[in-house]
PDB file of all heavy atoms in Angstrom:
ATOM      1  N   TYR A   1     -15.606  12.579  -0.183  1.00  0.00           N
ATOM      2  CA  TYR A   1     -14.509  11.607  -0.097  1.00  0.00           C
ATOM      3  C   TYR A   1     -14.905  10.293  -0.770  1.00  0.00           C
ATOM      4  O   TYR A   1     -14.142   9.712  -1.544  1.00  0.00           O
ATOM      5  CB  TYR A   1     -14.154  11.340   1.368  1.00  0.00           C
ATOM      6  CG  TYR A   1     -12.977  12.138   1.893  1.00  0.00           C
ATOM      7  CD1 TYR A   1     -13.083  13.490   2.167  1.00  0.00           C
ATOM      8  CD2 TYR A   1     -11.751  11.525   2.130  1.00  0.00           C
ATOM      9  CE1 TYR A   1     -12.011  14.223   2.670  1.00  0.00           C
ATOM     10  CE2 TYR A   1     -10.664  12.233   2.632  1.00  0.00           C
ATOM     11  CZ  TYR A   1     -10.806  13.592   2.904  1.00  0.00           C
ATOM     12  OH  TYR A   1      -9.733  14.301   3.388  1.00  0.00           O
ATOM     13  N   LYS A   2     -16.107   9.815  -0.463  1.00  0.00           N
ATOM     14  CA  LYS A   2     -16.574   8.536  -1.003  1.00  0.00           C
ATOM     15  C   LYS A   2     -16.721   8.611  -2.516  1.00  0.00           C
ATOM     16  O   LYS A   2     -16.309   7.688  -3.240  1.00  0.00           O
ATOM     17  CB  LYS A   2     -17.920   8.180  -0.367  1.00  0.00           C
ATOM     18  CG  LYS A   2     -18.420   6.783  -0.698  1.00  0.00           C
ATOM     19  CD  LYS A   2     -17.685   5.732   0.106  1.00  0.00           C
ATOM     20  CE  LYS A   2     -18.353   4.373  -0.023  1.00  0.00           C
ATOM     21  NZ  LYS A   2     -17.681   3.345   0.803  1.00  0.00           N
ATOM     22  N   ALA A   3     -17.299   9.710  -3.012  1.00  0.00           N
ATOM     23  CA  ALA A   3     -17.511   9.859  -4.450  1.00  0.00           C
ATOM     24  C   ALA A   3     -16.183   9.935  -5.198  1.00  0.00           C
ATOM     25  O   ALA A   3     -16.002   9.298  -6.244  1.00  0.00           O
ATOM     26  CB  ALA A   3     -18.341  11.115  -4.719  1.00  0.00           C
ATOM     27  N   HIS A   4     -15.255  10.712  -4.668  1.00  0.00           N
ATOM     28  CA  HIS A   4     -13.949  10.860  -5.312  1.00  0.00           C
ATOM     29  C   HIS A   4     -13.192   9.530  -5.318  1.00  0.00           C
ATOM     30  O   HIS A   4     -12.597   9.145  -6.334  1.00  0.00           O
ATOM     31  CB  HIS A   4     -13.135  11.927  -4.581  1.00  0.00           C
ATOM     32  CG  HIS A   4     -11.770  12.155  -5.164  1.00  0.00           C
ATOM     33  ND1 HIS A   4     -10.660  11.459  -4.733  1.00  0.00           N
ATOM     34  CD2 HIS A   4     -11.346  12.992  -6.154  1.00  0.00           C
ATOM     35  CE1 HIS A   4      -9.606  11.858  -5.424  1.00  0.00           C
ATOM     36  NE2 HIS A   4      -9.992  12.787  -6.282  1.00  0.00           N
ATOM     37  N   GLU A   5     -13.212   8.843  -4.206  1.00  0.00           N
ATOM     38  CA  GLU A   5     -12.543   7.547  -4.105  1.00  0.00           C
ATOM     39  C   GLU A   5     -13.131   6.550  -5.111  1.00  0.00           C
ATOM     40  O   GLU A   5     -12.403   5.779  -5.747  1.00  0.00           O
ATOM     41  CB  GLU A   5     -12.703   7.012  -2.677  1.00  0.00           C
ATOM     42  CG  GLU A   5     -12.088   5.637  -2.452  1.00  0.00           C
ATOM     43  CD  GLU A   5     -12.410   5.094  -1.075  1.00  0.00           C
ATOM     44  OE1 GLU A   5     -13.592   5.164  -0.663  1.00  0.00           O
ATOM     45  OE2 GLU A   5     -11.496   4.594  -0.415  1.00  0.00           O
ATOM     46  N   TYR A   6     -14.447   6.580  -5.252  1.00  0.00           N
ATOM     47  CA  TYR A   6     -15.161   5.695  -6.183  1.00  0.00           C
ATOM     48  C   TYR A   6     -14.702   5.952  -7.613  1.00  0.00           C
ATOM     49  O   TYR A   6     -14.332   5.020  -8.347  1.00  0.00           O
ATOM     50  CB  TYR A   6     -16.660   5.960  -6.010  1.00  0.00           C
ATOM     51  CG  TYR A   6     -17.618   5.071  -6.752  1.00  0.00           C
ATOM     52  CD1 TYR A   6     -17.253   3.836  -7.290  1.00  0.00           C
ATOM     53  CD2 TYR A   6     -18.950   5.479  -6.913  1.00  0.00           C
ATOM     54  CE1 TYR A   6     -18.170   3.030  -7.945  1.00  0.00           C
ATOM     55  CE2 TYR A   6     -19.878   4.686  -7.568  1.00  0.00           C
ATOM     56  CZ  TYR A   6     -19.481   3.470  -8.087  1.00  0.00           C
ATOM     57  OH  TYR A   6     -20.404   2.687  -8.742  1.00  0.00           O
ATOM     58  N   LEU A   7     -14.698   7.206  -8.033  1.00  0.00           N
ATOM     59  CA  LEU A   7     -14.295   7.557  -9.395  1.00  0.00           C
ATOM     60  C   LEU A   7     -12.825   7.245  -9.625  1.00  0.00           C
ATOM     61  O   LEU A   7     -12.440   6.688 -10.661  1.00  0.00           O
ATOM     62  CB  LEU A   7     -14.570   9.041  -9.638  1.00  0.00           C
ATOM     63  CG  LEU A   7     -14.234   9.591 -11.027  1.00  0.00           C
ATOM     64  CD1 LEU A   7     -15.000   8.852 -12.113  1.00  0.00           C
ATOM     65  CD2 LEU A   7     -14.527  11.088 -11.086  1.00  0.00           C
ATOM     66  N   GLN A   8     -11.999   7.566  -8.653  1.00  0.00           N
ATOM     67  CA  GLN A   8     -10.559   7.350  -8.756  1.00  0.00           C
ATOM     68  C   GLN A   8     -10.220   5.872  -8.910  1.00  0.00           C
ATOM     69  O   GLN A   8      -9.251   5.504  -9.582  1.00  0.00           O
ATOM     70  CB  GLN A   8      -9.896   7.920  -7.501  1.00  0.00           C
ATOM     71  CG  GLN A   8      -8.413   7.758  -7.415  1.00  0.00           C
ATOM     72  CD  GLN A   8      -7.861   8.360  -6.143  1.00  0.00           C
ATOM     73  OE1 GLN A   8      -7.379   9.478  -6.140  1.00  0.00           O
ATOM     74  NE2 GLN A   8      -7.958   7.640  -5.047  1.00  0.00           N
ATOM     75  N   SER A   9     -11.011   5.004  -8.309  1.00  0.00           N
ATOM     76  CA  SER A   9     -10.746   3.564  -8.388  1.00  0.00           C
ATOM     77  C   SER A   9     -10.781   3.060  -9.825  1.00  0.00           C
ATOM     78  O   SER A   9     -10.138   2.054 -10.150  1.00  0.00           O
ATOM     79  CB  SER A   9     -11.763   2.786  -7.540  1.00  0.00           C
ATOM     80  OG  SER A   9     -13.063   2.844  -8.119  1.00  0.00           O
ATOM     81  N   ALA A  10     -11.503   3.756 -10.685  1.00  0.00           N
ATOM     82  CA  ALA A  10     -11.607   3.350 -12.082  1.00  0.00           C
ATOM     83  C   ALA A  10     -10.614   4.054 -12.994  1.00  0.00           C
ATOM     84  O   ALA A  10     -10.274   3.542 -14.066  1.00  0.00           O
ATOM     85  CB  ALA A  10     -13.026   3.606 -12.598  1.00  0.00           C
ATOM     86  N   THR A  11     -10.129   5.218 -12.584  1.00  0.00           N
ATOM     87  CA  THR A  11      -9.317   6.035 -13.496  1.00  0.00           C
ATOM     88  C   THR A  11      -7.817   6.007 -13.205  1.00  0.00           C
ATOM     89  O   THR A  11      -7.031   6.472 -14.038  1.00  0.00           O
ATOM     90  CB  THR A  11      -9.787   7.502 -13.477  1.00  0.00           C
ATOM     91  OG1 THR A  11      -9.657   8.024 -12.151  1.00  0.00           O
ATOM     92  CG2 THR A  11     -11.237   7.608 -13.928  1.00  0.00           C
ATOM     93  N   LEU A  12      -7.406   5.488 -12.053  1.00  0.00           N
ATOM     94  CA  LEU A  12      -5.977   5.403 -11.743  1.00  0.00           C
ATOM     95  C   LEU A  12      -5.466   3.983 -11.950  1.00  0.00           C
ATOM     96  O   LEU A  12      -6.149   3.010 -11.600  1.00  0.00           O
ATOM     97  CB  LEU A  12      -5.712   5.817 -10.292  1.00  0.00           C
ATOM     98  CG  LEU A  12      -5.624   7.304  -9.961  1.00  0.00           C
ATOM     99  CD1 LEU A  12      -5.153   7.479  -8.520  1.00  0.00           C
ATOM    100  CD2 LEU A  12      -4.699   8.048 -10.904  1.00  0.00           C
ATOM    101  N   ASP A  13      -4.259   3.873 -12.482  1.00  0.00           N
ATOM    102  CA  ASP A  13      -3.646   2.551 -12.606  1.00  0.00           C
ATOM    103  C   ASP A  13      -3.275   2.015 -11.223  1.00  0.00           C
ATOM    104  O   ASP A  13      -3.180   2.775 -10.246  1.00  0.00           O
ATOM    105  CB  ASP A  13      -2.394   2.628 -13.486  1.00  0.00           C
ATOM    106  CG  ASP A  13      -1.277   3.405 -12.815  1.00  0.00           C
ATOM    107  OD1 ASP A  13      -1.280   4.657 -12.913  1.00  0.00           O
ATOM    108  OD2 ASP A  13      -0.422   2.784 -12.157  1.00  0.00           O
ATOM    109  N   LYS A  14      -3.084   0.720 -11.142  1.00  0.00           N
ATOM    110  CA  LYS A  14      -2.883   0.045  -9.864  1.00  0.00           C
ATOM    111  C   LYS A  14      -1.730   0.616  -9.050  1.00  0.00           C
ATOM    112  O   LYS A  14      -1.884   0.926  -7.862  1.00  0.00           O
ATOM    113  CB  LYS A  14      -2.645  -1.453 -10.090  1.00  0.00           C
ATOM    114  CG  LYS A  14      -2.396  -2.222  -8.800  1.00  0.00           C
ATOM    115  CD  LYS A  14      -2.285  -3.727  -9.045  1.00  0.00           C
ATOM    116  CE  LYS A  14      -0.957  -4.111  -9.624  1.00  0.00           C
ATOM    117  NZ  LYS A  14      -0.764  -5.596  -9.675  1.00  0.00           N
ATOM    118  N   TYR A  15      -0.581   0.805  -9.663  1.00  0.00           N
ATOM    119  CA  TYR A  15       0.603   1.206  -8.902  1.00  0.00           C
ATOM    120  C   TYR A  15       0.511   2.649  -8.409  1.00  0.00           C
ATOM    121  O   TYR A  15       0.918   2.965  -7.289  1.00  0.00           O
ATOM    122  CB  TYR A  15       1.871   0.984  -9.738  1.00  0.00           C
ATOM    123  CG  TYR A  15       2.096  -0.472 -10.045  1.00  0.00           C
ATOM    124  CD1 TYR A  15       1.881  -0.982 -11.319  1.00  0.00           C
ATOM    125  CD2 TYR A  15       2.477  -1.365  -9.041  1.00  0.00           C
ATOM    126  CE1 TYR A  15       2.050  -2.333 -11.598  1.00  0.00           C
ATOM    127  CE2 TYR A  15       2.655  -2.721  -9.300  1.00  0.00           C
ATOM    128  CZ  TYR A  15       2.433  -3.200 -10.583  1.00  0.00           C
ATOM    129  OH  TYR A  15       2.594  -4.527 -10.837  1.00  0.00           O
ATOM    130  N   THR A  16      -0.039   3.529  -9.230  1.00  0.00           N
ATOM    131  CA  THR A  16      -0.221   4.914  -8.794  1.00  0.00           C
ATOM    132  C   THR A  16      -1.243   4.979  -7.666  1.00  0.00           C
ATOM    133  O   THR A  16      -1.050   5.694  -6.676  1.00  0.00           O
ATOM    134  CB  THR A  16      -0.674   5.798  -9.969  1.00  0.00           C
ATOM    135  OG1 THR A  16       0.293   5.711 -11.018  1.00  0.00           O
ATOM    136  CG2 THR A  16      -0.818   7.249  -9.532  1.00  0.00           C
ATOM    137  N   LEU A  17      -2.336   4.222  -7.811  1.00  0.00           N
ATOM    138  CA  LEU A  17      -3.371   4.200  -6.776  1.00  0.00           C
ATOM    139  C   LEU A  17      -2.816   3.700  -5.453  1.00  0.00           C
ATOM    140  O   LEU A  17      -3.050   4.305  -4.400  1.00  0.00           O
ATOM    141  CB  LEU A  17      -4.540   3.320  -7.211  1.00  0.00           C
ATOM    142  CG  LEU A  17      -5.676   3.152  -6.190  1.00  0.00           C
ATOM    143  CD1 LEU A  17      -6.320   4.491  -5.865  1.00  0.00           C
ATOM    144  CD2 LEU A  17      -6.714   2.156  -6.694  1.00  0.00           C
ATOM    145  N   HIS A  18      -2.056   2.610  -5.497  1.00  0.00           N
ATOM    146  CA  HIS A  18      -1.515   2.048  -4.262  1.00  0.00           C
ATOM    147  C   HIS A  18      -0.507   2.992  -3.604  1.00  0.00           C
ATOM    148  O   HIS A  18      -0.481   3.131  -2.378  1.00  0.00           O
ATOM    149  CB  HIS A  18      -0.862   0.692  -4.537  1.00  0.00           C
ATOM    150  CG  HIS A  18      -1.855  -0.374  -4.869  1.00  0.00           C
ATOM    151  ND1 HIS A  18      -1.491  -1.678  -5.137  1.00  0.00           N
ATOM    152  CD2 HIS A  18      -3.211  -0.340  -4.957  1.00  0.00           C
ATOM    153  CE1 HIS A  18      -2.577  -2.394  -5.396  1.00  0.00           C
ATOM    154  NE2 HIS A  18      -3.627  -1.592  -5.290  1.00  0.00           N
ATOM    155  N   GLU A  19       0.327   3.640  -4.417  1.00  0.00           N
ATOM    156  CA  GLU A  19       1.286   4.590  -3.853  1.00  0.00           C
ATOM    157  C   GLU A  19       0.551   5.794  -3.261  1.00  0.00           C
ATOM    158  O   GLU A  19       0.925   6.297  -2.198  1.00  0.00           O
ATOM    159  CB  GLU A  19       2.267   5.055  -4.932  1.00  0.00           C
ATOM    160  CG  GLU A  19       3.486   5.770  -4.390  1.00  0.00           C
ATOM    161  CD  GLU A  19       4.336   4.901  -3.477  1.00  0.00           C
ATOM    162  OE1 GLU A  19       4.417   3.674  -3.713  1.00  0.00           O
ATOM    163  OE2 GLU A  19       4.911   5.446  -2.506  1.00  0.00           O
ATOM    164  N   LYS A  20      -0.497   6.219  -3.924  1.00  0.00           N
ATOM    165  CA  LYS A  20      -1.282   7.345  -3.425  1.00  0.00           C
ATOM    166  C   LYS A  20      -1.941   6.996  -2.098  1.00  0.00           C
ATOM    167  O   LYS A  20      -2.005   7.832  -1.182  1.00  0.00           O
ATOM    168  CB  LYS A  20      -2.340   7.744  -4.454  1.00  0.00           C
ATOM    169  CG  LYS A  20      -3.110   9.001  -4.088  1.00  0.00           C
ATOM    170  CD  LYS A  20      -4.049   9.429  -5.203  1.00  0.00           C
ATOM    171  CE  LYS A  20      -4.724  10.742  -4.873  1.00  0.00           C
ATOM    172  NZ  LYS A  20      -5.648  11.181  -5.936  1.00  0.00           N
ATOM    173  N   GLN A  21      -2.438   5.785  -1.984  1.00  0.00           N
ATOM    174  CA  GLN A  21      -3.064   5.356  -0.732  1.00  0.00           C
ATOM    175  C   GLN A  21      -2.064   5.364   0.417  1.00  0.00           C
ATOM    176  O   GLN A  21      -2.402   5.751   1.541  1.00  0.00           O
ATOM    177  CB  GLN A  21      -3.678   3.959  -0.899  1.00  0.00           C
ATOM    178  CG  GLN A  21      -4.923   3.955  -1.776  1.00  0.00           C
ATOM    179  CD  GLN A  21      -5.420   2.563  -2.108  1.00  0.00           C
ATOM    180  OE1 GLN A  21      -4.642   1.598  -2.127  1.00  0.00           O
ATOM    181  NE2 GLN A  21      -6.703   2.440  -2.380  1.00  0.00           N
ATOM    182  N   LYS A  22      -0.831   4.972   0.141  1.00  0.00           N
ATOM    183  CA  LYS A  22       0.202   5.013   1.187  1.00  0.00           C
ATOM    184  C   LYS A  22       0.546   6.453   1.566  1.00  0.00           C
ATOM    185  O   LYS A  22       0.656   6.793   2.748  1.00  0.00           O
ATOM    186  CB  LYS A  22       1.458   4.269   0.705  1.00  0.00           C
ATOM    187  CG  LYS A  22       1.300   2.756   0.644  1.00  0.00           C
ATOM    188  CD  LYS A  22       2.602   2.058   0.297  1.00  0.00           C
ATOM    189  CE  LYS A  22       2.934   2.153  -1.157  1.00  0.00           C
ATOM    190  NZ  LYS A  22       4.139   1.362  -1.533  1.00  0.00           N
ATOM    191  N   LEU A  23       0.698   7.307   0.557  1.00  0.00           N
ATOM    192  CA  LEU A  23       1.067   8.694   0.817  1.00  0.00           C
ATOM    193  C   LEU A  23      -0.074   9.491   1.450  1.00  0.00           C
ATOM    194  O   LEU A  23       0.166  10.532   2.066  1.00  0.00           O
ATOM    195  CB  LEU A  23       1.519   9.369  -0.475  1.00  0.00           C
ATOM    196  CG  LEU A  23       2.878   8.921  -1.015  1.00  0.00           C
ATOM    197  CD1 LEU A  23       3.159   9.569  -2.360  1.00  0.00           C
ATOM    198  CD2 LEU A  23       3.997   9.250  -0.028  1.00  0.00           C
ATOM    199  N   SER A  24      -1.302   8.996   1.316  1.00  0.00           N
ATOM    200  CA  SER A  24      -2.432   9.705   1.929  1.00  0.00           C
ATOM    201  C   SER A  24      -2.292   9.754   3.445  1.00  0.00           C
ATOM    202  O   SER A  24      -2.724  10.716   4.090  1.00  0.00           O
ATOM    203  CB  SER A  24      -3.758   9.037   1.542  1.00  0.00           C
ATOM    204  OG  SER A  24      -3.901   7.768   2.158  1.00  0.00           O
ATOM    205  N   ILE A  25      -1.672   8.731   4.018  1.00  0.00           N
ATOM    206  CA  ILE A  25      -1.450   8.721   5.469  1.00  0.00           C
ATOM    207  C   ILE A  25      -0.449   9.810   5.847  1.00  0.00           C
ATOM    208  O   ILE A  25      -0.642  10.555   6.814  1.00  0.00           O
ATOM    209  CB  ILE A  25      -0.949   7.335   5.931  1.00  0.00           C
ATOM    210  CG1 ILE A  25      -2.020   6.274   5.661  1.00  0.00           C
ATOM    211  CG2 ILE A  25      -0.582   7.360   7.414  1.00  0.00           C
ATOM    212  CD1 ILE A  25      -1.574   4.862   5.947  1.00  0.00           C
ATOM    213  N   THR A  26       0.622   9.919   5.065  1.00  0.00           N
ATOM    214  CA  THR A  26       1.610  10.977   5.315  1.00  0.00           C
ATOM    215  C   THR A  26       0.991  12.355   5.143  1.00  0.00           C
ATOM    216  O   THR A  26       1.215  13.256   5.959  1.00  0.00           O
ATOM    217  CB  THR A  26       2.802  10.818   4.351  1.00  0.00           C
ATOM    218  OG1 THR A  26       3.372   9.518   4.509  1.00  0.00           O
ATOM    219  CG2 THR A  26       3.859  11.874   4.624  1.00  0.00           C
ATOM    220  N   PHE A  27       0.194  12.524   4.090  1.00  0.00           N
ATOM    221  CA  PHE A  27      -0.466  13.806   3.842  1.00  0.00           C
ATOM    222  C   PHE A  27      -1.344  14.167   5.039  1.00  0.00           C
ATOM    223  O   PHE A  27      -1.322  15.313   5.521  1.00  0.00           O
ATOM    224  CB  PHE A  27      -1.313  13.699   2.562  1.00  0.00           C
ATOM    225  CG  PHE A  27      -1.740  15.028   1.994  1.00  0.00           C
ATOM    226  CD1 PHE A  27      -1.177  15.508   0.816  1.00  0.00           C
ATOM    227  CD2 PHE A  27      -2.712  15.794   2.610  1.00  0.00           C
ATOM    228  CE1 PHE A  27      -1.569  16.729   0.273  1.00  0.00           C
ATOM    229  CE2 PHE A  27      -3.123  17.009   2.078  1.00  0.00           C
ATOM    230  CZ  PHE A  27      -2.547  17.475   0.914  1.00  0.00           C
ATOM    231  N   ALA A  28      -2.103  13.202   5.536  1.00  0.00           N
ATOM    232  CA  ALA A  28      -2.991  13.451   6.675  1.00  0.00           C
ATOM    233  C   ALA A  28      -2.202  13.855   7.913  1.00  0.00           C
ATOM    234  O   ALA A  28      -2.598  14.783   8.638  1.00  0.00           O
ATOM    235  CB  ALA A  28      -3.829  12.205   6.968  1.00  0.00           C
ATOM    236  N   GLU A  29      -1.096  13.184   8.175  1.00  0.00           N
ATOM    237  CA  GLU A  29      -0.285  13.512   9.348  1.00  0.00           C
ATOM    238  C   GLU A  29       0.329  14.910   9.218  1.00  0.00           C
ATOM    239  O   GLU A  29       0.375  15.670  10.193  1.00  0.00           O
ATOM    240  CB  GLU A  29       0.813  12.472   9.531  1.00  0.00           C
ATOM    241  CG  GLU A  29       0.289  11.115  10.008  1.00  0.00           C
ATOM    242  CD  GLU A  29       1.391  10.095  10.193  1.00  0.00           C
ATOM    243  OE1 GLU A  29       2.480  10.264   9.596  1.00  0.00           O
ATOM    244  OE2 GLU A  29       1.159   9.124  10.937  1.00  0.00           O
ATOM    245  N   VAL A  30       0.789  15.251   8.028  1.00  0.00           N
ATOM    246  CA  VAL A  30       1.373  16.573   7.793  1.00  0.00           C
ATOM    247  C   VAL A  30       0.337  17.660   8.061  1.00  0.00           C
ATOM    248  O   VAL A  30       0.615  18.659   8.741  1.00  0.00           O
ATOM    249  CB  VAL A  30       1.920  16.671   6.349  1.00  0.00           C
ATOM    250  CG1 VAL A  30       2.236  18.118   5.978  1.00  0.00           C
ATOM    251  CG2 VAL A  30       3.175  15.820   6.200  1.00  0.00           C
ATOM    252  N   VAL A  31      -0.873  17.481   7.546  1.00  0.00           N
ATOM    253  CA  VAL A  31      -1.936  18.472   7.737  1.00  0.00           C
ATOM    254  C   VAL A  31      -2.377  18.513   9.198  1.00  0.00           C
ATOM    255  O   VAL A  31      -2.534  19.593   9.786  1.00  0.00           O
ATOM    256  CB  VAL A  31      -3.134  18.172   6.814  1.00  0.00           C
ATOM    257  CG1 VAL A  31      -4.295  19.126   7.102  1.00  0.00           C
ATOM    258  CG2 VAL A  31      -2.720  18.280   5.355  1.00  0.00           C
ATOM    259  N   TYR A  32      -2.564  17.359   9.797  1.00  0.00           N
ATOM    260  CA  TYR A  32      -2.984  17.286  11.203  1.00  0.00           C
ATOM    261  C   TYR A  32      -1.979  17.975  12.112  1.00  0.00           C
ATOM    262  O   TYR A  32      -2.346  18.648  13.084  1.00  0.00           O
ATOM    263  CB  TYR A  32      -3.142  15.821  11.612  1.00  0.00           C
ATOM    264  CG  TYR A  32      -3.728  15.610  12.997  1.00  0.00           C
ATOM    265  CD1 TYR A  32      -5.105  15.593  13.191  1.00  0.00           C
ATOM    266  CD2 TYR A  32      -2.902  15.416  14.104  1.00  0.00           C
ATOM    267  CE1 TYR A  32      -5.653  15.394  14.458  1.00  0.00           C
ATOM    268  CE2 TYR A  32      -3.439  15.223  15.366  1.00  0.00           C
ATOM    269  CZ  TYR A  32      -4.811  15.207  15.537  1.00  0.00           C
ATOM    270  OH  TYR A  32      -5.346  15.022  16.799  1.00  0.00           O
ATOM    271  N   ASN A  33      -0.702  17.821  11.777  1.00  0.00           N
ATOM    272  CA  ASN A  33       0.364  18.377  12.609  1.00  0.00           C
ATOM    273  C   ASN A  33       0.662  19.849  12.331  1.00  0.00           C
ATOM    274  O   ASN A  33       1.637  20.399  12.845  1.00  0.00           O
ATOM    275  CB  ASN A  33       1.642  17.558  12.432  1.00  0.00           C
ATOM    276  CG  ASN A  33       1.512  16.157  13.000  1.00  0.00           C
ATOM    277  OD1 ASN A  33       0.583  15.860  13.750  1.00  0.00           O
ATOM    278  ND2 ASN A  33       2.443  15.282  12.643  1.00  0.00           N
ATOM    279  N   GLY A  34      -0.167  20.492  11.511  1.00  0.00           N
ATOM    280  CA  GLY A  34      -0.021  21.927  11.300  1.00  0.00           C
ATOM    281  C   GLY A  34       1.030  22.332  10.287  1.00  0.00           C
ATOM    282  O   GLY A  34       1.423  23.499  10.223  1.00  0.00           O
ATOM    283  N   MET A  35       1.468  21.391   9.456  1.00  0.00           N
ATOM    284  CA  MET A  35       2.564  21.669   8.525  1.00  0.00           C
ATOM    285  C   MET A  35       2.059  21.945   7.108  1.00  0.00           C
ATOM    286  O   MET A  35       2.675  21.525   6.130  1.00  0.00           O
ATOM    287  CB  MET A  35       3.534  20.493   8.526  1.00  0.00           C
ATOM    288  CG  MET A  35       4.177  20.225   9.878  1.00  0.00           C
ATOM    289  SD  MET A  35       5.062  18.652   9.923  1.00  0.00           S
ATOM    290  CE  MET A  35       6.304  18.902   8.655  1.00  0.00           C
ATOM    291  N   TRP A  36       0.936  22.666   7.011  1.00  0.00           N
ATOM    292  CA  TRP A  36       0.389  22.948   5.682  1.00  0.00           C
ATOM    293  C   TRP A  36       1.387  23.742   4.840  1.00  0.00           C
ATOM    294  O   TRP A  36       1.602  23.445   3.659  1.00  0.00           O
ATOM    295  CB  TRP A  36      -0.927  23.712   5.790  1.00  0.00           C
ATOM    296  CG  TRP A  36      -1.556  23.914   4.449  1.00  0.00           C
ATOM    297  CD1 TRP A  36      -1.351  24.952   3.591  1.00  0.00           C
ATOM    298  CD2 TRP A  36      -2.434  23.004   3.774  1.00  0.00           C
ATOM    299  NE1 TRP A  36      -2.059  24.765   2.422  1.00  0.00           N
ATOM    300  CE2 TRP A  36      -2.733  23.579   2.510  1.00  0.00           C
ATOM    301  CE3 TRP A  36      -2.998  21.781   4.112  1.00  0.00           C
ATOM    302  CZ2 TRP A  36      -3.578  22.960   1.586  1.00  0.00           C
ATOM    303  CZ3 TRP A  36      -3.841  21.160   3.193  1.00  0.00           C
ATOM    304  CH2 TRP A  36      -4.119  21.746   1.954  1.00  0.00           C
ATOM    305  N   PHE A  37       1.989  24.759   5.440  1.00  0.00           N
ATOM    306  CA  PHE A  37       2.946  25.600   4.710  1.00  0.00           C
ATOM    307  C   PHE A  37       4.359  25.031   4.859  1.00  0.00           C
ATOM    308  O   PHE A  37       5.241  25.641   5.455  1.00  0.00           O
ATOM    309  CB  PHE A  37       2.860  27.038   5.215  1.00  0.00           C
ATOM    310  CG  PHE A  37       1.484  27.634   5.077  1.00  0.00           C
ATOM    311  CD1 PHE A  37       0.712  27.867   6.202  1.00  0.00           C
ATOM    312  CD2 PHE A  37       0.962  27.927   3.830  1.00  0.00           C
ATOM    313  CE1 PHE A  37      -0.565  28.399   6.082  1.00  0.00           C
ATOM    314  CE2 PHE A  37      -0.318  28.458   3.693  1.00  0.00           C
ATOM    315  CZ  PHE A  37      -1.088  28.697   4.824  1.00  0.00           C
ATOM    316  N   SER A  38       4.538  23.843   4.311  1.00  0.00           N
ATOM    317  CA  SER A  38       5.843  23.177   4.390  1.00  0.00           C
ATOM    318  C   SER A  38       6.201  22.612   3.026  1.00  0.00           C
ATOM    319  O   SER A  38       5.320  22.297   2.213  1.00  0.00           O
ATOM    320  CB  SER A  38       5.809  22.035   5.420  1.00  0.00           C
ATOM    321  OG  SER A  38       4.976  20.978   4.967  1.00  0.00           O
ATOM    322  N   PRO A  39       7.496  22.458   2.741  1.00  0.00           N
ATOM    323  CA  PRO A  39       7.913  21.860   1.463  1.00  0.00           C
ATOM    324  C   PRO A  39       7.342  20.460   1.264  1.00  0.00           C
ATOM    325  O   PRO A  39       7.014  20.085   0.134  1.00  0.00           O
ATOM    326  CB  PRO A  39       9.445  21.830   1.580  1.00  0.00           C
ATOM    327  CG  PRO A  39       9.769  22.921   2.542  1.00  0.00           C
ATOM    328  CD  PRO A  39       8.646  22.922   3.539  1.00  0.00           C
ATOM    329  N   LEU A  40       7.218  19.692   2.335  1.00  0.00           N
ATOM    330  CA  LEU A  40       6.703  18.329   2.203  1.00  0.00           C
ATOM    331  C   LEU A  40       5.252  18.339   1.748  1.00  0.00           C
ATOM    332  O   LEU A  40       4.877  17.594   0.835  1.00  0.00           O
ATOM    333  CB  LEU A  40       6.838  17.584   3.534  1.00  0.00           C
ATOM    334  CG  LEU A  40       6.256  16.160   3.559  1.00  0.00           C
ATOM    335  CD1 LEU A  40       6.842  15.298   2.446  1.00  0.00           C
ATOM    336  CD2 LEU A  40       6.497  15.520   4.923  1.00  0.00           C
ATOM    337  N   ARG A  41       4.421  19.184   2.364  1.00  0.00           N
ATOM    338  CA  ARG A  41       3.015  19.227   1.948  1.00  0.00           C
ATOM    339  C   ARG A  41       2.905  19.669   0.498  1.00  0.00           C
ATOM    340  O   ARG A  41       2.106  19.125  -0.292  1.00  0.00           O
ATOM    341  CB  ARG A  41       2.225  20.167   2.870  1.00  0.00           C
ATOM    342  CG  ARG A  41       0.704  19.906   2.865  1.00  0.00           C
ATOM    343  CD  ARG A  41       0.017  20.547   1.685  1.00  0.00           C
ATOM    344  NE  ARG A  41       0.318  21.968   1.585  1.00  0.00           N
ATOM    345  CZ  ARG A  41       0.105  22.692   0.490  1.00  0.00           C
ATOM    346  NH1 ARG A  41      -0.390  22.140  -0.608  1.00  0.00           N
ATOM    347  NH2 ARG A  41       0.423  23.989   0.478  1.00  0.00           N
ATOM    348  N   GLU A  42       3.712  20.652   0.107  1.00  0.00           N
ATOM    349  CA  GLU A  42       3.681  21.136  -1.272  1.00  0.00           C
ATOM    350  C   GLU A  42       4.110  20.033  -2.248  1.00  0.00           C
ATOM    351  O   GLU A  42       3.529  19.890  -3.333  1.00  0.00           O
ATOM    352  CB  GLU A  42       4.581  22.355  -1.422  1.00  0.00           C
ATOM    353  CG  GLU A  42       4.040  23.593  -0.696  1.00  0.00           C
ATOM    354  CD  GLU A  42       4.998  24.768  -0.756  1.00  0.00           C
ATOM    355  OE1 GLU A  42       6.092  24.614  -1.339  1.00  0.00           O
ATOM    356  OE2 GLU A  42       4.663  25.844  -0.215  1.00  0.00           O
ATOM    357  N   ALA A  43       5.109  19.251  -1.866  1.00  0.00           N
ATOM    358  CA  ALA A  43       5.570  18.154  -2.726  1.00  0.00           C
ATOM    359  C   ALA A  43       4.505  17.066  -2.839  1.00  0.00           C
ATOM    360  O   ALA A  43       4.262  16.525  -3.927  1.00  0.00           O
ATOM    361  CB  ALA A  43       6.867  17.573  -2.165  1.00  0.00           C
ATOM    362  N   LEU A  44       3.873  16.751  -1.730  1.00  0.00           N
ATOM    363  CA  LEU A  44       2.802  15.759  -1.752  1.00  0.00           C
ATOM    364  C   LEU A  44       1.639  16.237  -2.614  1.00  0.00           C
ATOM    365  O   LEU A  44       1.047  15.453  -3.373  1.00  0.00           O
ATOM    366  CB  LEU A  44       2.312  15.473  -0.325  1.00  0.00           C
ATOM    367  CG  LEU A  44       3.284  14.716   0.587  1.00  0.00           C
ATOM    368  CD1 LEU A  44       2.785  14.742   2.024  1.00  0.00           C
ATOM    369  CD2 LEU A  44       3.468  13.285   0.113  1.00  0.00           C
TER     370      LEU A  44
END
């Protein structure tokens, strides 16, 4: 996680990175709640 985040900080533009950081919370909740096989997880 740390290594990927480090590399990503240099290769993603600001707006995509910030939107991804917000959506990471939604992704985590979807996975935590057992919704891996859902349209939302696939879209994310």
